[in-house]
Amino acid sequence: MPDIRAPRTPSSDTAPPPGRRCPRCRVTLQHERSYTTRGLSGVVSSEHRYVCPACDAQFRWSSRDQRWREVH
């Protein structure tokens, strides 16, 4: 069983994705917040939330499924 007191080290799966532009207005998205979780299987996944400063659209990128989604 892994030591739960061991410090976490960032892996390539939890790193934020490269910069992306808003599909609506083509302005660079700004990073808002990140979440890192460990599922029941013990696999670490992360979710990064982004917001467009021009049109206020919100997007998220998940390391679990490796895709961008718009937050409604």
C-alpha atoms as a PDB file:
ATOM      1  CA  MET A   1       0.000   0.000   0.000  1.00  0.00           C
ATOM      2  CA  PRO A   2       1.468   3.407  -0.930  1.00  0.00           C
ATOM      3  CA  ASP A   3       2.466   5.838   1.798  1.00  0.00           C
ATOM      4  CA  ILE A   4      -0.235   8.536   1.906  1.00  0.00           C
ATOM      5  CA  ARG A   5       2.177  10.944   3.582  1.00  0.00           C
ATOM      6  CA  ALA A   6       4.557  10.906   0.634  1.00  0.00           C
ATOM      7  CA  PRO A   7       4.751  14.236  -1.210  1.00  0.00           C
ATOM      8  CA  ARG A   8       2.988  14.408  -4.539  1.00  0.00           C
ATOM      9  CA  THR A   9       5.057  14.903  -7.618  1.00  0.00           C
ATOM     10  CA  PRO A  10       3.447  16.360 -10.712  1.00  0.00           C
ATOM     11  CA  SER A  11       3.278  13.930 -13.596  1.00  0.00           C
ATOM     12  CA  SER A  12       2.843  14.643 -17.264  1.00  0.00           C
ATOM     13  CA  ASP A  13      -0.819  13.601 -16.942  1.00  0.00           C
ATOM     14  CA  THR A  14      -1.564  16.395 -14.472  1.00  0.00           C
ATOM     15  CA  ALA A  15       0.267  19.126 -16.389  1.00  0.00           C
ATOM     16  CA  PRO A  16      -1.989  21.758 -17.943  1.00  0.00           C
ATOM     17  CA  PRO A  17      -2.543  21.562 -21.693  1.00  0.00           C
ATOM     18  CA  PRO A  18      -0.852  24.031 -24.040  1.00  0.00           C
ATOM     19  CA  GLY A  19      -2.514  27.398 -24.646  1.00  0.00           C
ATOM     20  CA  ARG A  20      -5.745  27.420 -26.568  1.00  0.00           C
ATOM     21  CA  ARG A  21      -7.881  30.068 -28.230  1.00  0.00           C
ATOM     22  CA  CYS A  22     -11.609  30.530 -27.788  1.00  0.00           C
ATOM     23  CA  PRO A  23     -13.459  28.984 -30.761  1.00  0.00           C
ATOM     24  CA  ARG A  24     -15.994  31.846 -30.673  1.00  0.00           C
ATOM     25  CA  CYS A  25     -13.819  34.965 -30.680  1.00  0.00           C
ATOM     26  CA  ARG A  26     -10.232  33.614 -31.131  1.00  0.00           C
ATOM     27  CA  VAL A  27      -8.904  35.267 -27.914  1.00  0.00           C
ATOM     28  CA  THR A  28      -6.410  33.266 -25.828  1.00  0.00           C
ATOM     29  CA  LEU A  29      -8.136  31.515 -22.916  1.00  0.00           C
ATOM     30  CA  GLN A  30      -7.030  32.322 -19.363  1.00  0.00           C
ATOM     31  CA  HIS A  31      -6.434  29.572 -16.809  1.00  0.00           C
ATOM     32  CA  GLU A  32      -8.870  29.888 -13.918  1.00  0.00           C
ATOM     33  CA  ARG A  33      -8.315  26.844 -11.663  1.00  0.00           C
ATOM     34  CA  SER A  34      -7.147  23.228 -11.526  1.00  0.00           C
ATOM     35  CA  TYR A  35      -8.368  20.133  -9.736  1.00  0.00           C
ATOM     36  CA  THR A  36      -6.378  16.949  -9.178  1.00  0.00           C
ATOM     37  CA  THR A  37      -8.127  13.798  -7.997  1.00  0.00           C
ATOM     38  CA  ARG A  38      -7.318  10.152  -7.478  1.00  0.00           C
ATOM     39  CA  GLY A  39     -10.122   7.855  -8.588  1.00  0.00           C
ATOM     40  CA  LEU A  40     -11.167   4.602  -6.976  1.00  0.00           C
ATOM     41  CA  SER A  41      -8.650   2.763  -9.154  1.00  0.00           C
ATOM     42  CA  GLY A  42      -5.830   4.991  -7.855  1.00  0.00           C
ATOM     43  CA  VAL A  43      -5.245   6.696 -11.207  1.00  0.00           C
ATOM     44  CA  VAL A  44      -4.517  10.408 -10.873  1.00  0.00           C
ATOM     45  CA  SER A  45      -6.519  12.687 -13.152  1.00  0.00           C
ATOM     46  CA  SER A  46      -6.721  16.441 -13.393  1.00  0.00           C
ATOM     47  CA  GLU A  47      -9.179  18.982 -14.694  1.00  0.00           C
ATOM     48  CA  HIS A  48      -8.247  22.503 -15.738  1.00  0.00           C
ATOM     49  CA  ARG A  49     -10.824  25.279 -16.079  1.00  0.00           C
ATOM     50  CA  TYR A  50     -10.348  28.145 -18.528  1.00  0.00           C
ATOM     51  CA  VAL A  51     -12.354  31.292 -19.227  1.00  0.00           C
ATOM     52  CA  CYS A  52     -12.413  33.603 -22.243  1.00  0.00           C
ATOM     53  CA  PRO A  53     -11.850  37.231 -21.161  1.00  0.00           C
ATOM     54  CA  ALA A  54     -13.717  38.583 -24.205  1.00  0.00           C
ATOM     55  CA  CYS A  55     -16.968  36.593 -24.324  1.00  0.00           C
ATOM     56  CA  ASP A  56     -16.980  34.919 -20.855  1.00  0.00           C
ATOM     57  CA  ALA A  57     -17.227  31.410 -22.343  1.00  0.00           C
ATOM     58  CA  GLN A  58     -15.904  28.704 -20.009  1.00  0.00           C
ATOM     59  CA  PHE A  59     -14.043  25.551 -21.015  1.00  0.00           C
ATOM     60  CA  ARG A  60     -12.467  22.598 -19.225  1.00  0.00           C
ATOM     61  CA  TRP A  61      -9.726  20.179 -20.168  1.00  0.00           C
ATOM     62  CA  SER A  62      -9.630  16.773 -18.516  1.00  0.00           C
ATOM     63  CA  SER A  63      -6.568  14.537 -18.454  1.00  0.00           C
ATOM     64  CA  ARG A  64      -8.842  11.497 -18.074  1.00  0.00           C
ATOM     65  CA  ASP A  65     -10.318  11.730 -21.573  1.00  0.00           C
ATOM     66  CA  GLN A  66      -7.776  14.164 -23.086  1.00  0.00           C
ATOM     67  CA  ARG A  67     -10.333  16.559 -24.555  1.00  0.00           C
ATOM     68  CA  TRP A  68     -11.711  20.057 -24.279  1.00  0.00           C
ATOM     69  CA  ARG A  69     -15.350  20.668 -23.367  1.00  0.00           C
ATOM     70  CA  GLU A  70     -17.414  23.808 -23.037  1.00  0.00           C
ATOM     71  CA  VAL A  71     -18.955  24.361 -19.597  1.00  0.00           C
ATOM     72  CA  HIS A  72     -22.577  25.461 -19.791  1.00  0.00           C
END
